[in-house]
PDB file of N, CA and C in Angstrom:
ATOM      1  N   MET A   1     -59.515 -57.605  21.892  1.00  0.00           N
ATOM      2  CA  MET A   1     -60.031 -58.964  21.601  1.00  0.00           C
ATOM      3  C   MET A   1     -59.413 -59.967  22.659  1.00  0.00           C
ATOM      4  N   THR A   2     -60.211 -60.487  23.466  1.00  0.00           N
ATOM      5  CA  THR A   2     -59.942 -61.485  24.400  1.00  0.00           C
ATOM      6  C   THR A   2     -60.004 -62.734  23.871  1.00  0.00           C
ATOM      7  N   THR A   3     -59.310 -63.563  24.928  1.00  0.00           N
ATOM      8  CA  THR A   3     -58.264 -64.730  24.387  1.00  0.00           C
ATOM      9  C   THR A   3     -59.699 -65.669  23.599  1.00  0.00           C
ATOM     10  N   THR A   4     -61.095 -65.674  24.526  1.00  0.00           N
ATOM     11  CA  THR A   4     -62.118 -66.317  24.144  1.00  0.00           C
ATOM     12  C   THR A   4     -62.727 -66.284  22.605  1.00  0.00           C
ATOM     13  N   GLN A   5     -62.617 -64.926  22.876  1.00  0.00           N
ATOM     14  CA  GLN A   5     -63.087 -64.758  21.261  1.00  0.00           C
ATOM     15  C   GLN A   5     -62.180 -64.847  20.082  1.00  0.00           C
ATOM     16  N   LEU A   6     -60.758 -65.047  20.655  1.00  0.00           N
ATOM     17  CA  LEU A   6     -59.457 -65.400  19.550  1.00  0.00           C
ATOM     18  C   LEU A   6     -59.872 -66.979  19.417  1.00  0.00           C
ATOM     19  N   ALA A   7     -59.890 -67.297  20.441  1.00  0.00           N
ATOM     20  CA  ALA A   7     -60.322 -69.066  20.159  1.00  0.00           C
ATOM     21  C   ALA A   7     -61.483 -69.719  19.489  1.00  0.00           C
ATOM     22  N   LEU A   8     -62.704 -68.850  19.629  1.00  0.00           N
ATOM     23  CA  LEU A   8     -63.830 -68.871  18.737  1.00  0.00           C
ATOM     24  C   LEU A   8     -63.462 -68.793  17.478  1.00  0.00           C
ATOM     25  N   ILE A   9     -63.142 -67.723  17.060  1.00  0.00           N
ATOM     26  CA  ILE A   9     -62.753 -67.255  15.685  1.00  0.00           C
ATOM     27  C   ILE A   9     -61.823 -68.365  15.097  1.00  0.00           C
ATOM     28  N   MET A  10     -60.752 -68.492  15.802  1.00  0.00           N
ATOM     29  CA  MET A  10     -59.827 -70.157  14.913  1.00  0.00           C
ATOM     30  C   MET A  10     -60.621 -71.119  15.022  1.00  0.00           C
ATOM     31  N   ALA A  11     -61.274 -71.098  15.889  1.00  0.00           N
ATOM     32  CA  ALA A  11     -62.048 -72.497  16.031  1.00  0.00           C
ATOM     33  C   ALA A  11     -63.062 -72.548  14.448  1.00  0.00           C
ATOM     34  N   PHE A  12     -63.559 -71.346  14.328  1.00  0.00           N
ATOM     35  CA  PHE A  12     -64.390 -71.415  13.022  1.00  0.00           C
ATOM     36  C   PHE A  12     -63.388 -71.299  12.040  1.00  0.00           C
ATOM     37  N   ILE A  13     -62.735 -70.704  11.713  1.00  0.00           N
ATOM     38  CA  ILE A  13     -61.800 -70.926  10.743  1.00  0.00           C
ATOM     39  C   ILE A  13     -61.152 -72.361  10.420  1.00  0.00           C
ATOM     40  N   LEU A  14     -60.834 -72.882  11.479  1.00  0.00           N
ATOM     41  CA  LEU A  14     -59.853 -73.794  11.246  1.00  0.00           C
ATOM     42  C   LEU A  14     -60.904 -75.224  10.491  1.00  0.00           C
ATOM     43  N   SER A  15     -62.367 -75.184  11.256  1.00  0.00           N
ATOM     44  CA  SER A  15     -63.727 -75.878  10.828  1.00  0.00           C
ATOM     45  C   SER A  15     -63.858 -75.713   9.246  1.00  0.00           C
ATOM     46  N   LEU A  16     -63.674 -74.314   9.005  1.00  0.00           N
ATOM     47  CA  LEU A  16     -63.987 -73.847   7.510  1.00  0.00           C
ATOM     48  C   LEU A  16     -62.805 -74.499   6.509  1.00  0.00           C
ATOM     49  N   LEU A  17     -61.719 -74.352   7.007  1.00  0.00           N
ATOM     50  CA  LEU A  17     -60.352 -74.988   6.365  1.00  0.00           C
ATOM     51  C   LEU A  17     -60.673 -76.361   6.017  1.00  0.00           C
ATOM     52  N   GLY A  18     -61.163 -77.060   7.169  1.00  0.00           N
ATOM     53  CA  GLY A  18     -61.081 -78.745   7.125  1.00  0.00           C
ATOM     54  C   GLY A  18     -62.259 -78.616   6.080  1.00  0.00           C
ATOM     55  N   LEU A  19     -63.029 -77.782   5.884  1.00  0.00           N
ATOM     56  CA  LEU A  19     -64.223 -78.341   5.273  1.00  0.00           C
ATOM     57  C   LEU A  19     -63.799 -78.406   3.693  1.00  0.00           C
ATOM     58  N   THR A  20     -63.062 -76.952   3.498  1.00  0.00           N
ATOM     59  CA  THR A  20     -62.840 -76.814   2.429  1.00  0.00           C
ATOM     60  C   THR A  20     -61.357 -77.643   1.614  1.00  0.00           C
ATOM     61  N   LEU A  21     -60.823 -77.795   2.562  1.00  0.00           N
ATOM     62  CA  LEU A  21     -59.405 -78.864   2.157  1.00  0.00           C
ATOM     63  C   LEU A  21     -59.540 -80.207   2.174  1.00  0.00           C
ATOM     64  N   HIS A  22     -60.094 -80.809   2.965  1.00  0.00           N
ATOM     65  CA  HIS A  22     -60.220 -82.402   3.023  1.00  0.00           C
ATOM     66  C   HIS A  22     -61.589 -82.633   2.875  1.00  0.00           C
ATOM     67  N   ARG A  23     -61.530 -83.027   1.701  1.00  0.00           N
ATOM     68  CA  ARG A  23     -63.064 -83.260   1.248  1.00  0.00           C
ATOM     69  C   ARG A  23     -63.145 -84.780   0.822  1.00  0.00           C
ATOM     70  N   THR A  24     -63.056 -85.785   1.752  1.00  0.00           N
ATOM     71  CA  THR A  24     -62.669 -86.965   1.046  1.00  0.00           C
ATOM     72  C   THR A  24     -63.995 -87.521   1.510  1.00  0.00           C
ATOM     73  N   HIS A  25     -64.252 -87.469   2.862  1.00  0.00           N
ATOM     74  CA  HIS A  25     -65.269 -88.501   3.476  1.00  0.00           C
ATOM     75  C   HIS A  25     -66.303 -87.382   3.876  1.00  0.00           C
ATOM     76  N   LEU A  26     -67.639 -88.239   3.386  1.00  0.00           N
ATOM     77  CA  LEU A  26     -69.045 -87.391   3.968  1.00  0.00           C
ATOM     78  C   LEU A  26     -68.706 -87.003   5.446  1.00  0.00           C
ATOM     79  N   VAL A  27     -68.531 -88.042   6.109  1.00  0.00           N
ATOM     80  CA  VAL A  27     -68.532 -87.888   7.299  1.00  0.00           C
ATOM     81  C   VAL A  27     -67.245 -86.747   8.082  1.00  0.00           C
ATOM     82  N   SER A  28     -66.147 -86.507   7.673  1.00  0.00           N
ATOM     83  CA  SER A  28     -65.435 -85.570   7.861  1.00  0.00           C
ATOM     84  C   SER A  28     -65.820 -84.151   7.909  1.00  0.00           C
ATOM     85  N   ALA A  29     -66.687 -84.081   6.436  1.00  0.00           N
ATOM     86  CA  ALA A  29     -67.542 -82.877   5.826  1.00  0.00           C
ATOM     87  C   ALA A  29     -68.989 -82.479   7.184  1.00  0.00           C
ATOM     88  N   LEU A  30     -69.350 -83.842   7.470  1.00  0.00           N
ATOM     89  CA  LEU A  30     -70.254 -83.092   8.274  1.00  0.00           C
ATOM     90  C   LEU A  30     -69.971 -82.958   9.546  1.00  0.00           C
ATOM     91  N   LEU A  31     -68.729 -83.186  10.265  1.00  0.00           N
ATOM     92  CA  LEU A  31     -68.123 -83.032  11.492  1.00  0.00           C
ATOM     93  C   LEU A  31     -67.457 -81.437  11.170  1.00  0.00           C
ATOM     94  N   CYS A  32     -66.930 -80.896  10.153  1.00  0.00           N
ATOM     95  CA  CYS A  32     -66.112 -79.928  10.186  1.00  0.00           C
ATOM     96  C   CYS A  32     -67.810 -78.763  10.359  1.00  0.00           C
ATOM     97  N   ILE A  33     -68.851 -79.223   9.602  1.00  0.00           N
ATOM     98  CA  ILE A  33     -70.088 -78.240   9.624  1.00  0.00           C
ATOM     99  C   ILE A  33     -70.676 -78.348  11.231  1.00  0.00           C
ATOM    100  N   GLU A  34     -70.647 -79.444  11.454  1.00  0.00           N
ATOM    101  CA  GLU A  34     -71.142 -79.234  13.050  1.00  0.00           C
ATOM    102  C   GLU A  34     -69.834 -78.711  14.297  1.00  0.00           C
ATOM    103  N   CYS A  35     -69.240 -78.856  13.794  1.00  0.00           N
ATOM    104  CA  CYS A  35     -67.887 -77.574  14.737  1.00  0.00           C
ATOM    105  C   CYS A  35     -68.350 -76.341  14.232  1.00  0.00           C
ATOM    106  N   MET A  36     -68.430 -75.917  13.266  1.00  0.00           N
ATOM    107  CA  MET A  36     -68.837 -74.432  12.788  1.00  0.00           C
ATOM    108  C   MET A  36     -69.678 -73.950  13.484  1.00  0.00           C
ATOM    109  N   LEU A  37     -70.741 -74.992  13.372  1.00  0.00           N
ATOM    110  CA  LEU A  37     -71.900 -74.518  14.007  1.00  0.00           C
ATOM    111  C   LEU A  37     -71.863 -74.295  15.799  1.00  0.00           C
ATOM    112  N   VAL A  38     -70.847 -75.007  16.145  1.00  0.00           N
ATOM    113  CA  VAL A  38     -70.338 -75.089  17.852  1.00  0.00           C
ATOM    114  C   VAL A  38     -70.005 -74.143  18.238  1.00  0.00           C
ATOM    115  N   ALA A  39     -68.874 -73.541  17.211  1.00  0.00           N
ATOM    116  CA  ALA A  39     -68.427 -72.492  17.425  1.00  0.00           C
ATOM    117  C   ALA A  39     -68.970 -71.269  17.259  1.00  0.00           C
ATOM    118  N   LEU A  40     -70.092 -71.150  16.615  1.00  0.00           N
ATOM    119  CA  LEU A  40     -71.221 -70.064  16.399  1.00  0.00           C
ATOM    120  C   LEU A  40     -71.981 -69.942  17.902  1.00  0.00           C
ATOM    121  N   PHE A  41     -71.988 -70.970  18.197  1.00  0.00           N
ATOM    122  CA  PHE A  41     -73.280 -71.232  19.074  1.00  0.00           C
ATOM    123  C   PHE A  41     -72.213 -70.767  20.368  1.00  0.00           C
ATOM    124  N   MET A  42     -71.027 -71.200  20.801  1.00  0.00           N
ATOM    125  CA  MET A  42     -70.405 -70.333  21.817  1.00  0.00           C
ATOM    126  C   MET A  42     -70.227 -69.314  21.483  1.00  0.00           C
ATOM    127  N   ALA A  43     -69.917 -68.300  20.482  1.00  0.00           N
ATOM    128  CA  ALA A  43     -70.111 -66.839  20.169  1.00  0.00           C
ATOM    129  C   ALA A  43     -70.758 -66.316  20.337  1.00  0.00           C
ATOM    130  N   MET A  44     -71.653 -67.284  20.228  1.00  0.00           N
ATOM    131  CA  MET A  44     -73.401 -66.319  20.596  1.00  0.00           C
ATOM    132  C   MET A  44     -73.751 -66.137  22.156  1.00  0.00           C
ATOM    133  N   MET A  45     -73.171 -67.458  22.523  1.00  0.00           N
ATOM    134  CA  MET A  45     -73.561 -67.217  24.211  1.00  0.00           C
ATOM    135  C   MET A  45     -72.410 -66.218  24.760  1.00  0.00           C
ATOM    136  N   VAL A  46     -71.454 -66.198  24.275  1.00  0.00           N
ATOM    137  CA  VAL A  46     -70.472 -64.619  24.830  1.00  0.00           C
ATOM    138  C   VAL A  46     -70.961 -63.738  24.795  1.00  0.00           C
ATOM    139  N   LEU A  47     -71.358 -63.683  23.519  1.00  0.00           N
ATOM    140  CA  LEU A  47     -71.890 -62.181  22.813  1.00  0.00           C
ATOM    141  C   LEU A  47     -73.430 -62.177  24.132  1.00  0.00           C
ATOM    142  N   MET A  48     -74.171 -63.001  24.507  1.00  0.00           N
ATOM    143  CA  MET A  48     -75.483 -62.644  25.024  1.00  0.00           C
ATOM    144  C   MET A  48     -74.928 -62.662  26.535  1.00  0.00           C
ATOM    145  N   GLN A  49     -74.202 -62.903  27.224  1.00  0.00           N
ATOM    146  CA  GLN A  49     -73.396 -62.790  28.186  1.00  0.00           C
ATOM    147  C   GLN A  49     -73.158 -61.589  28.572  1.00  0.00           C
ATOM    148  N   ASN A  50     -72.555 -60.632  27.384  1.00  0.00           N
ATOM    149  CA  ASN A  50     -71.788 -59.490  27.280  1.00  0.00           C
ATOM    150  C   ASN A  50     -73.111 -58.449  27.046  1.00  0.00           C
ATOM    151  N   ILE A  51     -74.007 -58.783  26.558  1.00  0.00           N
ATOM    152  CA  ILE A  51     -75.041 -57.845  26.198  1.00  0.00           C
ATOM    153  C   ILE A  51     -75.916 -57.734  26.973  1.00  0.00           C
ATOM    154  N   GLN A  52     -76.637 -58.673  27.692  1.00  0.00           N
ATOM    155  CA  GLN A  52     -77.623 -58.922  28.950  1.00  0.00           C
ATOM    156  C   GLN A  52     -78.699 -58.501  28.367  1.00  0.00           C
ATOM    157  N   LEU A  53     -79.249 -58.729  27.229  1.00  0.00           N
ATOM    158  CA  LEU A  53     -80.642 -58.747  26.730  1.00  0.00           C
ATOM    159  C   LEU A  53     -81.328 -59.474  27.143  1.00  0.00           C
ATOM    160  N   THR A  54     -82.527 -59.707  27.848  1.00  0.00           N
ATOM    161  CA  THR A  54     -83.856 -60.694  27.662  1.00  0.00           C
ATOM    162  C   THR A  54     -84.387 -61.147  26.427  1.00  0.00           C
ATOM    163  N   THR A  55     -84.348 -60.239  25.580  1.00  0.00           N
ATOM    164  CA  THR A  55     -85.142 -60.303  24.234  1.00  0.00           C
ATOM    165  C   THR A  55     -84.259 -61.231  23.462  1.00  0.00           C
ATOM    166  N   THR A  56     -83.181 -61.242  23.625  1.00  0.00           N
ATOM    167  CA  THR A  56     -82.443 -61.853  22.799  1.00  0.00           C
ATOM    168  C   THR A  56     -81.605 -63.119  23.372  1.00  0.00           C
ATOM    169  N   ALA A  57     -82.366 -63.728  24.494  1.00  0.00           N
ATOM    170  CA  ALA A  57     -81.730 -65.093  25.576  1.00  0.00           C
ATOM    171  C   ALA A  57     -82.247 -66.232  24.434  1.00  0.00           C
ATOM    172  N   MET A  58     -82.896 -66.038  23.674  1.00  0.00           N
ATOM    173  CA  MET A  58     -83.338 -67.547  23.021  1.00  0.00           C
ATOM    174  C   MET A  58     -83.043 -68.055  21.884  1.00  0.00           C
ATOM    175  N   LEU A  59     -81.859 -66.927  21.203  1.00  0.00           N
ATOM    176  CA  LEU A  59     -81.275 -67.234  19.830  1.00  0.00           C
ATOM    177  C   LEU A  59     -80.116 -68.318  20.361  1.00  0.00           C
ATOM    178  N   PRO A  60     -79.060 -68.027  20.958  1.00  0.00           N
ATOM    179  CA  PRO A  60     -78.711 -69.405  21.508  1.00  0.00           C
ATOM    180  C   PRO A  60     -79.211 -70.712  21.138  1.00  0.00           C
ATOM    181  N   MET A  61     -80.079 -71.125  21.603  1.00  0.00           N
ATOM    182  CA  MET A  61     -80.807 -72.148  21.697  1.00  0.00           C
ATOM    183  C   MET A  61     -81.681 -72.842  20.379  1.00  0.00           C
ATOM    184  N   THR A  62     -81.868 -71.477  19.701  1.00  0.00           N
ATOM    185  CA  THR A  62     -82.457 -71.623  18.377  1.00  0.00           C
ATOM    186  C   THR A  62     -81.606 -72.387  17.369  1.00  0.00           C
ATOM    187  N   LEU A  63     -80.237 -71.573  17.764  1.00  0.00           N
ATOM    188  CA  LEU A  63     -79.191 -72.108  16.651  1.00  0.00           C
ATOM    189  C   LEU A  63     -78.710 -73.595  16.789  1.00  0.00           C
ATOM    190  N   LEU A  64     -78.636 -73.670  18.380  1.00  0.00           N
ATOM    191  CA  LEU A  64     -78.460 -75.288  18.632  1.00  0.00           C
ATOM    192  C   LEU A  64     -79.707 -76.556  18.646  1.00  0.00           C
ATOM    193  N   THR A  65     -80.594 -75.913  18.530  1.00  0.00           N
ATOM    194  CA  THR A  65     -82.101 -76.836  17.569  1.00  0.00           C
ATOM    195  C   THR A  65     -81.328 -76.919  16.099  1.00  0.00           C
ATOM    196  N   PHE A  66     -81.583 -75.613  15.459  1.00  0.00           N
ATOM    197  CA  PHE A  66     -81.224 -76.147  13.935  1.00  0.00           C
ATOM    198  C   PHE A  66     -79.757 -76.834  13.846  1.00  0.00           C
ATOM    199  N   SER A  67     -79.027 -76.921  15.032  1.00  0.00           N
ATOM    200  CA  SER A  67     -77.815 -77.459  14.750  1.00  0.00           C
ATOM    201  C   SER A  67     -78.196 -79.145  14.710  1.00  0.00           C
ATOM    202  N   ALA A  68     -79.357 -79.389  15.720  1.00  0.00           N
ATOM    203  CA  ALA A  68     -79.166 -80.698  16.122  1.00  0.00           C
ATOM    204  C   ALA A  68     -80.040 -81.190  14.959  1.00  0.00           C
ATOM    205  N   CYS A  69     -80.619 -80.589  14.216  1.00  0.00           N
ATOM    206  CA  CYS A  69     -81.510 -80.968  13.410  1.00  0.00           C
ATOM    207  C   CYS A  69     -80.964 -81.373  11.895  1.00  0.00           C
ATOM    208  N   GLU A  70     -79.545 -80.481  11.833  1.00  0.00           N
ATOM    209  CA  GLU A  70     -78.553 -80.494  10.350  1.00  0.00           C
ATOM    210  C   GLU A  70     -77.843 -81.782  10.951  1.00  0.00           C
ATOM    211  N   ALA A  71     -77.590 -81.932  12.411  1.00  0.00           N
ATOM    212  CA  ALA A  71     -76.962 -83.364  12.411  1.00  0.00           C
ATOM    213  C   ALA A  71     -77.567 -84.581  12.331  1.00  0.00           C
ATOM    214  N   SER A  72     -78.944 -84.399  12.536  1.00  0.00           N
ATOM    215  CA  SER A  72     -80.229 -85.759  12.254  1.00  0.00           C
ATOM    216  C   SER A  72     -80.093 -85.987  10.848  1.00  0.00           C
ATOM    217  N   ALA A  73     -80.111 -84.819   9.989  1.00  0.00           N
ATOM    218  CA  ALA A  73     -80.623 -85.061   8.462  1.00  0.00           C
ATOM    219  C   ALA A  73     -79.107 -85.329   7.871  1.00  0.00           C
ATOM    220  N   GLY A  74     -77.777 -84.806   8.398  1.00  0.00           N
ATOM    221  CA  GLY A  74     -76.558 -85.176   7.949  1.00  0.00           C
ATOM    222  C   GLY A  74     -76.736 -86.708   7.741  1.00  0.00           C
ATOM    223  N   LEU A  75     -76.816 -87.490   9.016  1.00  0.00           N
ATOM    224  CA  LEU A  75     -76.229 -88.719   9.517  1.00  0.00           C
ATOM    225  C   LEU A  75     -77.459 -89.208   8.859  1.00  0.00           C
ATOM    226  N   ALA A  76     -78.614 -89.575   8.447  1.00  0.00           N
ATOM    227  CA  ALA A  76     -79.317 -89.898   7.979  1.00  0.00           C
ATOM    228  C   ALA A  76     -79.343 -89.785   6.396  1.00  0.00           C
ATOM    229  N   LEU A  77     -78.865 -88.677   5.761  1.00  0.00           N
ATOM    230  CA  LEU A  77     -77.987 -88.958   4.366  1.00  0.00           C
ATOM    231  C   LEU A  77     -76.723 -89.846   4.589  1.00  0.00           C
ATOM    232  N   LEU A  78     -76.138 -89.485   5.578  1.00  0.00           N
ATOM    233  CA  LEU A  78     -74.826 -90.332   5.256  1.00  0.00           C
ATOM    234  C   LEU A  78     -75.491 -92.115   5.369  1.00  0.00           C
ATOM    235  N   VAL A  79     -76.396 -92.324   6.158  1.00  0.00           N
ATOM    236  CA  VAL A  79     -76.640 -93.999   5.830  1.00  0.00           C
ATOM    237  C   VAL A  79     -77.168 -94.195   4.518  1.00  0.00           C
ATOM    238  N   ALA A  80     -78.106 -93.136   4.286  1.00  0.00           N
ATOM    239  CA  ALA A  80     -78.652 -93.722   2.620  1.00  0.00           C
ATOM    240  C   ALA A  80     -77.678 -93.741   1.891  1.00  0.00           C
ATOM    241  N   THR A  81     -76.494 -92.823   1.883  1.00  0.00           N
ATOM    242  CA  THR A  81     -75.486 -92.959   0.733  1.00  0.00           C
ATOM    243  C   THR A  81     -74.832 -94.197   0.839  1.00  0.00           C
ATOM    244  N   THR A  82     -74.733 -94.823   2.363  1.00  0.00           N
ATOM    245  CA  THR A  82     -73.814 -95.449   2.352  1.00  0.00           C
ATOM    246  C   THR A  82     -74.361 -96.637   2.022  1.00  0.00           C
ATOM    247  N   ARG A  83     -75.430 -96.601   2.159  1.00  0.00           N
ATOM    248  CA  ARG A  83     -76.296 -98.035   1.742  1.00  0.00           C
ATOM    249  C   ARG A  83     -76.312 -97.839   0.153  1.00  0.00           C
ATOM    250  N   THR A  84     -76.629 -97.022   0.012  1.00  0.00           N
ATOM    251  CA  THR A  84     -76.659 -97.342  -2.013  1.00  0.00           C
ATOM    252  C   THR A  84     -75.344 -97.296  -2.402  1.00  0.00           C
ATOM    253  N   HIS A  85     -74.701 -96.534  -2.358  1.00  0.00           N
ATOM    254  CA  HIS A  85     -73.225 -96.684  -3.202  1.00  0.00           C
ATOM    255  C   HIS A  85     -72.068 -97.486  -2.219  1.00  0.00           C
ATOM    256  N   ALA A  86     -72.361 -97.909  -1.003  1.00  0.00           N
ATOM    257  CA  ALA A  86     -71.260 -98.711  -0.285  1.00  0.00           C
ATOM    258  C   ALA A  86     -70.028 -98.146   0.379  1.00  0.00           C
ATOM    259  N   THR A  87     -70.093 -96.568  -0.086  1.00  0.00           N
ATOM    260  CA  THR A  87     -68.922 -95.821   0.634  1.00  0.00           C
ATOM    261  C   THR A  87     -69.277 -94.396   0.991  1.00  0.00           C
ATOM    262  N   ASP A  88     -68.510 -93.712   1.664  1.00  0.00           N
ATOM    263  CA  ASP A  88     -68.830 -92.384   2.121  1.00  0.00           C
ATOM    264  C   ASP A  88     -67.814 -91.534   1.403  1.00  0.00           C
ATOM    265  N   HIS A  89     -67.173 -91.914   0.582  1.00  0.00           N
ATOM    266  CA  HIS A  89     -66.093 -91.179  -0.225  1.00  0.00           C
ATOM    267  C   HIS A  89     -67.064 -90.371  -1.025  1.00  0.00           C
ATOM    268  N   LEU A  90     -66.471 -88.805  -0.872  1.00  0.00           N
ATOM    269  CA  LEU A  90     -67.700 -87.836  -1.855  1.00  0.00           C
ATOM    270  C   LEU A  90     -67.320 -87.606  -3.585  1.00  0.00           C
ATOM    271  N   LYS A  91     -66.009 -88.157  -3.700  1.00  0.00           N
ATOM    272  CA  LYS A  91     -65.765 -88.163  -5.179  1.00  0.00           C
ATOM    273  C   LYS A  91     -66.517 -89.395  -5.743  1.00  0.00           C
ATOM    274  N   ASN A  92     -66.988 -90.600  -5.363  1.00  0.00           N
ATOM    275  CA  ASN A  92     -67.919 -91.295  -5.693  1.00  0.00           C
ATOM    276  C   ASN A  92     -69.404 -91.302  -5.782  1.00  0.00           C
ATOM    277  N   LEU A  93     -69.757 -90.145  -5.114  1.00  0.00           N
ATOM    278  CA  LEU A  93     -70.893 -89.842  -5.157  1.00  0.00           C
ATOM    279  C   LEU A  93     -71.646 -88.805  -6.440  1.00  0.00           C
ATOM    280  N   ASN A  94     -72.223 -89.391  -7.172  1.00  0.00           N
ATOM    281  CA  ASN A  94     -73.126 -88.705  -8.424  1.00  0.00           C
ATOM    282  C   ASN A  94     -74.316 -88.490  -7.959  1.00  0.00           C
ATOM    283  N   LEU A  95     -74.662 -86.769  -8.089  1.00  0.00           N
ATOM    284  CA  LEU A  95     -75.581 -86.233  -7.466  1.00  0.00           C
ATOM    285  C   LEU A  95     -76.690 -86.508  -8.903  1.00  0.00           C
ATOM    286  N   LEU A  96     -75.788 -86.523  -9.885  1.00  0.00           N
ATOM    287  CA  LEU A  96     -77.247 -86.403 -11.035  1.00  0.00           C
ATOM    288  C   LEU A  96     -77.620 -87.776 -11.414  1.00  0.00           C
ATOM    289  N   GLN A  97     -77.232 -88.892 -10.810  1.00  0.00           N
ATOM    290  CA  GLN A  97     -77.368 -90.376 -10.804  1.00  0.00           C
ATOM    291  C   GLN A  97     -79.260 -90.434 -10.064  1.00  0.00           C
ATOM    292  N   CYS A  98     -79.444 -91.707 -10.572  1.00  0.00           N
ATOM    293  CA  CYS A  98     -80.852 -91.684  -9.343  1.00  0.00           C
ATOM    294  C   CYS A  98     -80.750 -92.595  -9.054  1.00  0.00           C
TER     295      CYS A  98
END
């Protein structure tokens, strides 16, 4: 295992731990999810450079596009919850309320 692969695996694991252990604010949860997607994107880029197949060259760009869509949807959700609840604390949000 190279140092690049180790660094990418550690980045993914640290962001997963951050998502599971520090769930106080919606912004921190969204940042952890974004870090996980960036680690996956970089790992896929390293894998595609090693494989060198032209048929799978668009997979990292597709993942990056989904990551950008997820980020925009997450920020829209953050703005909507901040406007309705006046905070971004996850413990104050009740999904069963209308």
